[in-house]
Amino acid sequence: MREDVSRLSELAAGRGVTLILIGNPLRMSGSEGAQSAWVREFAQKLESRLGLTVQLWDERLTTVEAERVLRQSGISLEKRKRAVDRLAAVILLQSYLESIAAAHGPGDLAG
């Protein structure tokens, strides 16, 4: 983990990162399970070691949505398997950014 945190620190500093977004694997009911508790603990460690804000974001159904989009795109099963996690991460980020936009109103994402 030390090497991973060190590399993340380098990447964050080099790119001016101020926030790290991590998917929170909540149960379908919205409650926290064992995996979600582990992710929360990891996020707290990462936040304290990097000195950056780490935000957990509900990732329920992002993989299902990614699989649906990829299936509709007509690409091969092999390519879908390789792309599903990346697309799920994009969907997670999009959800987060839409939430911020809704909270700040149109045209006011700067602050």
N, C-alpha and C. Protein backbone atom coordinates (compact mmCIF):
# COMPACT_ATOMS: atom_id res chain seq x y z
N MET A 1 0.83 -1.19 0.00
CA MET A 1 0.00 0.00 0.00
C MET A 1 0.87 1.25 0.00
N ARG A 2 2.02 1.17 0.64
CA ARG A 2 2.91 2.34 0.67
C ARG A 2 3.29 2.79 -0.73
N GLU A 3 3.61 1.82 -1.59
CA GLU A 3 3.99 2.16 -2.97
C GLU A 3 2.81 2.77 -3.72
N ASP A 4 1.63 2.20 -3.52
CA ASP A 4 0.44 2.73 -4.19
C ASP A 4 0.14 4.15 -3.74
N VAL A 5 0.20 4.39 -2.45
CA VAL A 5 -0.07 5.72 -1.92
C VAL A 5 0.98 6.71 -2.39
N SER A 6 2.22 6.27 -2.43
CA SER A 6 3.30 7.13 -2.92
C SER A 6 3.06 7.51 -4.38
N ARG A 7 2.69 6.55 -5.19
CA ARG A 7 2.43 6.83 -6.61
C ARG A 7 1.21 7.72 -6.78
N LEU A 8 0.16 7.47 -6.02
CA LEU A 8 -1.02 8.34 -6.07
C LEU A 8 -0.67 9.76 -5.67
N SER A 9 0.17 9.90 -4.67
CA SER A 9 0.61 11.22 -4.21
C SER A 9 1.34 11.96 -5.33
N GLU A 10 2.23 11.25 -6.02
CA GLU A 10 2.96 11.85 -7.14
C GLU A 10 2.01 12.28 -8.25
N LEU A 11 1.10 11.41 -8.61
CA LEU A 11 0.15 11.71 -9.67
C LEU A 11 -0.73 12.90 -9.29
N ALA A 12 -1.22 12.90 -8.06
CA ALA A 12 -2.08 13.99 -7.60
C ALA A 12 -1.34 15.32 -7.62
N ALA A 13 -0.13 15.33 -7.12
CA ALA A 13 0.66 16.57 -7.09
C ALA A 13 0.96 17.06 -8.50
N GLY A 14 1.31 16.15 -9.38
CA GLY A 14 1.65 16.52 -10.75
C GLY A 14 0.48 17.02 -11.56
N ARG A 15 -0.73 16.67 -11.14
CA ARG A 15 -1.92 17.05 -11.91
C ARG A 15 -2.80 18.06 -11.16
N GLY A 16 -2.36 18.51 -10.01
CA GLY A 16 -3.13 19.50 -9.26
C GLY A 16 -4.44 18.95 -8.69
N VAL A 17 -4.46 17.68 -8.37
CA VAL A 17 -5.66 17.04 -7.83
C VAL A 17 -5.97 17.58 -6.44
N THR A 18 -7.23 17.89 -6.20
CA THR A 18 -7.64 18.36 -4.88
C THR A 18 -8.65 17.43 -4.23
N LEU A 19 -9.20 16.48 -5.00
CA LEU A 19 -10.20 15.56 -4.48
C LEU A 19 -10.05 14.21 -5.17
N ILE A 20 -10.17 13.14 -4.40
CA ILE A 20 -10.17 11.78 -4.95
C ILE A 20 -11.56 11.21 -4.72
N LEU A 21 -12.16 10.71 -5.79
CA LEU A 21 -13.49 10.13 -5.74
C LEU A 21 -13.38 8.62 -5.78
N ILE A 22 -14.00 7.96 -4.80
CA ILE A 22 -13.95 6.50 -4.70
C ILE A 22 -15.38 5.96 -4.65
N GLY A 23 -15.63 4.94 -5.46
CA GLY A 23 -16.94 4.31 -5.45
C GLY A 23 -17.20 3.60 -4.14
N ASN A 24 -18.39 3.81 -3.59
CA ASN A 24 -18.80 3.19 -2.34
C ASN A 24 -19.77 2.05 -2.65
N PRO A 25 -19.34 0.80 -2.45
CA PRO A 25 -20.18 -0.35 -2.82
C PRO A 25 -21.26 -0.65 -1.77
N LEU A 26 -22.25 0.22 -1.71
CA LEU A 26 -23.36 0.03 -0.78
C LEU A 26 -24.22 -1.14 -1.22
N ARG A 27 -24.95 -1.69 -0.27
CA ARG A 27 -25.93 -2.73 -0.60
C ARG A 27 -27.08 -2.06 -1.36
N MET A 28 -27.88 -2.85 -2.05
CA MET A 28 -29.00 -2.28 -2.80
C MET A 28 -29.96 -1.53 -1.89
N SER A 29 -30.03 -1.90 -0.62
CA SER A 29 -30.90 -1.21 0.33
C SER A 29 -30.33 0.15 0.73
N GLY A 30 -29.06 0.39 0.38
CA GLY A 30 -28.41 1.64 0.76
C GLY A 30 -27.59 1.51 2.03
N SER A 31 -27.67 0.35 2.67
CA SER A 31 -26.90 0.15 3.89
C SER A 31 -25.46 -0.24 3.56
N GLU A 32 -24.61 -0.08 4.55
CA GLU A 32 -23.19 -0.39 4.38
C GLU A 32 -22.92 -1.84 4.77
N GLY A 33 -22.25 -2.57 3.88
CA GLY A 33 -21.85 -3.93 4.17
C GLY A 33 -20.37 -3.99 4.48
N ALA A 34 -19.83 -5.18 4.52
CA ALA A 34 -18.41 -5.37 4.85
C ALA A 34 -17.50 -4.68 3.83
N GLN A 35 -17.81 -4.83 2.54
CA GLN A 35 -16.98 -4.23 1.49
C GLN A 35 -17.01 -2.70 1.60
N SER A 36 -18.17 -2.15 1.85
CA SER A 36 -18.31 -0.71 1.99
C SER A 36 -17.54 -0.20 3.21
N ALA A 37 -17.56 -0.94 4.28
CA ALA A 37 -16.81 -0.57 5.48
C ALA A 37 -15.30 -0.57 5.19
N TRP A 38 -14.85 -1.57 4.42
CA TRP A 38 -13.43 -1.63 4.05
C TRP A 38 -13.05 -0.43 3.19
N VAL A 39 -13.91 -0.09 2.23
CA VAL A 39 -13.65 1.05 1.35
C VAL A 39 -13.60 2.34 2.16
N ARG A 40 -14.50 2.49 3.12
CA ARG A 40 -14.52 3.69 3.97
C ARG A 40 -13.20 3.79 4.77
N GLU A 41 -12.75 2.68 5.31
CA GLU A 41 -11.49 2.66 6.06
C GLU A 41 -10.31 3.02 5.14
N PHE A 42 -10.29 2.45 3.95
CA PHE A 42 -9.25 2.75 2.97
C PHE A 42 -9.26 4.23 2.63
N ALA A 43 -10.44 4.79 2.39
CA ALA A 43 -10.56 6.20 2.04
C ALA A 43 -10.02 7.10 3.16
N GLN A 44 -10.31 6.75 4.40
CA GLN A 44 -9.81 7.53 5.53
C GLN A 44 -8.29 7.49 5.61
N LYS A 45 -7.72 6.30 5.38
CA LYS A 45 -6.25 6.19 5.38
C LYS A 45 -5.65 7.00 4.24
N LEU A 46 -6.25 6.89 3.07
CA LEU A 46 -5.76 7.61 1.91
C LEU A 46 -5.83 9.12 2.14
N GLU A 47 -6.92 9.58 2.69
CA GLU A 47 -7.09 11.01 2.97
C GLU A 47 -6.02 11.51 3.93
N SER A 48 -5.76 10.76 4.99
CA SER A 48 -4.78 11.21 5.97
C SER A 48 -3.36 11.14 5.43
N ARG A 49 -3.07 10.16 4.60
CA ARG A 49 -1.70 10.02 4.06
C ARG A 49 -1.42 11.00 2.93
N LEU A 50 -2.45 11.33 2.13
CA LEU A 50 -2.24 12.23 1.00
C LEU A 50 -2.52 13.69 1.35
N GLY A 51 -3.29 13.91 2.40
CA GLY A 51 -3.66 15.28 2.73
C GLY A 51 -4.65 15.87 1.73
N LEU A 52 -5.39 15.00 1.05
CA LEU A 52 -6.40 15.43 0.08
C LEU A 52 -7.77 14.98 0.55
N THR A 53 -8.79 15.65 0.07
CA THR A 53 -10.15 15.22 0.36
C THR A 53 -10.44 13.96 -0.44
N VAL A 54 -10.98 12.95 0.24
CA VAL A 54 -11.40 11.71 -0.43
C VAL A 54 -12.90 11.61 -0.22
N GLN A 55 -13.62 11.54 -1.32
CA GLN A 55 -15.08 11.50 -1.30
C GLN A 55 -15.57 10.13 -1.73
N LEU A 56 -16.40 9.52 -0.91
CA LEU A 56 -17.05 8.27 -1.30
C LEU A 56 -18.32 8.60 -2.05
N TRP A 57 -18.61 7.83 -3.11
CA TRP A 57 -19.80 8.09 -3.91
C TRP A 57 -20.49 6.77 -4.23
N ASP A 58 -21.78 6.74 -4.08
CA ASP A 58 -22.59 5.54 -4.29
C ASP A 58 -22.33 4.97 -5.69
N GLU A 59 -21.87 3.73 -5.73
CA GLU A 59 -21.58 3.12 -7.02
C GLU A 59 -22.60 2.05 -7.42
N ARG A 60 -23.69 1.97 -6.67
CA ARG A 60 -24.70 0.95 -7.00
C ARG A 60 -25.16 1.10 -8.45
N LEU A 61 -25.21 0.02 -9.13
CA LEU A 61 -25.71 -0.13 -10.49
C LEU A 61 -24.82 0.50 -11.57
N THR A 62 -23.65 1.04 -11.22
CA THR A 62 -22.79 1.60 -12.26
C THR A 62 -22.28 0.51 -13.19
N THR A 63 -21.94 -0.65 -12.66
CA THR A 63 -21.47 -1.75 -13.50
C THR A 63 -22.59 -2.27 -14.38
N VAL A 64 -23.79 -2.36 -13.82
CA VAL A 64 -24.94 -2.82 -14.60
C VAL A 64 -25.19 -1.85 -15.76
N GLU A 65 -25.14 -0.55 -15.48
CA GLU A 65 -25.34 0.45 -16.53
C GLU A 65 -24.24 0.37 -17.58
N ALA A 66 -23.00 0.21 -17.12
CA ALA A 66 -21.87 0.10 -18.06
C ALA A 66 -22.04 -1.13 -18.96
N GLU A 67 -22.42 -2.25 -18.39
CA GLU A 67 -22.63 -3.45 -19.19
C GLU A 67 -23.75 -3.25 -20.20
N ARG A 68 -24.82 -2.58 -19.80
CA ARG A 68 -25.94 -2.31 -20.70
C ARG A 68 -25.49 -1.45 -21.89
N VAL A 69 -24.78 -0.38 -21.60
CA VAL A 69 -24.30 0.52 -22.65
C VAL A 69 -23.37 -0.22 -23.60
N LEU A 70 -22.45 -0.99 -23.04
CA LEU A 70 -21.50 -1.72 -23.89
C LEU A 70 -22.19 -2.80 -24.72
N ARG A 71 -23.17 -3.45 -24.14
CA ARG A 71 -23.91 -4.48 -24.88
C ARG A 71 -24.66 -3.84 -26.05
N GLN A 72 -25.26 -2.68 -25.81
CA GLN A 72 -25.99 -1.99 -26.87
C GLN A 72 -25.06 -1.46 -27.96
N SER A 73 -23.80 -1.24 -27.61
CA SER A 73 -22.86 -0.71 -28.59
C SER A 73 -22.47 -1.75 -29.63
N GLY A 74 -22.71 -3.02 -29.33
CA GLY A 74 -22.44 -4.08 -30.29
C GLY A 74 -20.99 -4.57 -30.30
N ILE A 75 -20.17 -4.12 -29.36
CA ILE A 75 -18.79 -4.61 -29.35
C ILE A 75 -18.74 -6.03 -28.80
N SER A 76 -17.68 -6.71 -29.09
CA SER A 76 -17.55 -8.12 -28.71
C SER A 76 -17.53 -8.30 -27.19
N LEU A 77 -17.89 -9.49 -26.76
CA LEU A 77 -17.92 -9.81 -25.34
C LEU A 77 -16.54 -9.61 -24.72
N GLU A 78 -15.50 -10.01 -25.43
CA GLU A 78 -14.13 -9.87 -24.91
C GLU A 78 -13.79 -8.39 -24.67
N LYS A 79 -14.12 -7.54 -25.61
CA LYS A 79 -13.85 -6.10 -25.46
C LYS A 79 -14.72 -5.50 -24.36
N ARG A 80 -15.96 -5.97 -24.24
CA ARG A 80 -16.86 -5.47 -23.18
C ARG A 80 -16.28 -5.77 -21.81
N LYS A 81 -15.77 -6.99 -21.64
CA LYS A 81 -15.20 -7.38 -20.34
C LYS A 81 -14.04 -6.47 -19.96
N ARG A 82 -13.24 -6.07 -20.94
CA ARG A 82 -12.08 -5.21 -20.65
C ARG A 82 -12.50 -3.77 -20.37
N ALA A 83 -13.64 -3.35 -20.92
CA ALA A 83 -14.03 -1.94 -20.83
C ALA A 83 -15.03 -1.64 -19.72
N VAL A 84 -15.66 -2.65 -19.14
CA VAL A 84 -16.77 -2.41 -18.22
C VAL A 84 -16.34 -1.61 -16.98
N ASP A 85 -15.21 -1.91 -16.39
CA ASP A 85 -14.79 -1.18 -15.19
C ASP A 85 -14.48 0.28 -15.49
N ARG A 86 -13.85 0.52 -16.64
CA ARG A 86 -13.54 1.91 -17.03
C ARG A 86 -14.82 2.70 -17.25
N LEU A 87 -15.78 2.10 -17.94
CA LEU A 87 -17.03 2.80 -18.20
C LEU A 87 -17.82 3.00 -16.90
N ALA A 88 -17.80 2.03 -16.01
CA ALA A 88 -18.46 2.18 -14.72
C ALA A 88 -17.85 3.36 -13.95
N ALA A 89 -16.53 3.53 -14.03
CA ALA A 89 -15.87 4.66 -13.36
C ALA A 89 -16.31 5.98 -13.99
N VAL A 90 -16.47 6.00 -15.30
CA VAL A 90 -16.94 7.21 -15.99
C VAL A 90 -18.36 7.55 -15.54
N ILE A 91 -19.21 6.54 -15.43
CA ILE A 91 -20.59 6.73 -14.99
C ILE A 91 -20.61 7.26 -13.55
N LEU A 92 -19.76 6.72 -12.71
CA LEU A 92 -19.66 7.19 -11.32
C LEU A 92 -19.26 8.67 -11.28
N LEU A 93 -18.25 9.03 -12.05
CA LEU A 93 -17.80 10.42 -12.09
C LEU A 93 -18.88 11.33 -12.65
N GLN A 94 -19.55 10.89 -13.70
CA GLN A 94 -20.62 11.69 -14.28
C GLN A 94 -21.72 11.94 -13.25
N SER A 95 -22.08 10.93 -12.50
CA SER A 95 -23.10 11.07 -11.47
C SER A 95 -22.67 12.11 -10.42
N TYR A 96 -21.43 12.03 -10.01
CA TYR A 96 -20.90 12.97 -9.02
C TYR A 96 -20.93 14.40 -9.56
N LEU A 97 -20.46 14.58 -10.78
CA LEU A 97 -20.41 15.93 -11.37
C LEU A 97 -21.81 16.49 -11.58
N GLU A 98 -22.76 15.66 -11.98
CA GLU A 98 -24.14 16.11 -12.14
C GLU A 98 -24.73 16.53 -10.80
N SER A 99 -24.36 15.83 -9.75
CA SER A 99 -24.83 16.17 -8.41
C SER A 99 -24.31 17.54 -7.98
N ILE A 100 -23.04 17.80 -8.27
CA ILE A 100 -22.45 19.10 -7.94
C ILE A 100 -23.12 20.20 -8.75
N ALA A 101 -23.33 19.96 -10.04
CA ALA A 101 -23.97 20.95 -10.90
C ALA A 101 -25.37 21.27 -10.40
N ALA A 102 -26.11 20.25 -9.99
CA ALA A 102 -27.47 20.45 -9.49
C ALA A 102 -27.46 21.25 -8.19
N ALA A 103 -26.48 21.00 -7.35
CA ALA A 103 -26.40 21.70 -6.06
C ALA A 103 -25.99 23.16 -6.23
N HIS A 104 -25.16 23.44 -7.24
CA HIS A 104 -24.65 24.81 -7.43
C HIS A 104 -25.46 25.61 -8.41
N GLY A 105 -26.27 24.98 -9.20
CA GLY A 105 -27.04 25.68 -10.21
C GLY A 105 -26.23 25.80 -11.49
N PRO A 106 -26.91 26.08 -12.58
CA PRO A 106 -26.24 26.17 -13.87
C PRO A 106 -25.22 27.31 -13.92
N GLY A 107 -24.06 27.00 -14.49
CA GLY A 107 -23.04 28.01 -14.68
C GLY A 107 -22.27 28.40 -13.44
N ASP A 108 -22.44 27.68 -12.33
CA ASP A 108 -21.77 28.06 -11.09
C ASP A 108 -20.95 26.91 -10.52
N LEU A 109 -20.17 26.24 -11.35
CA LEU A 109 -19.35 25.13 -10.88
C LEU A 109 -18.02 25.58 -10.32
N ALA A 110 -17.67 26.82 -10.46
CA ALA A 110 -16.37 27.30 -9.98
C ALA A 110 -16.33 27.42 -8.47
N GLY A 111 -17.42 27.45 -7.82
CA GLY A 111 -17.28 27.58 -6.40
C GLY A 111 -18.52 27.66 -5.68
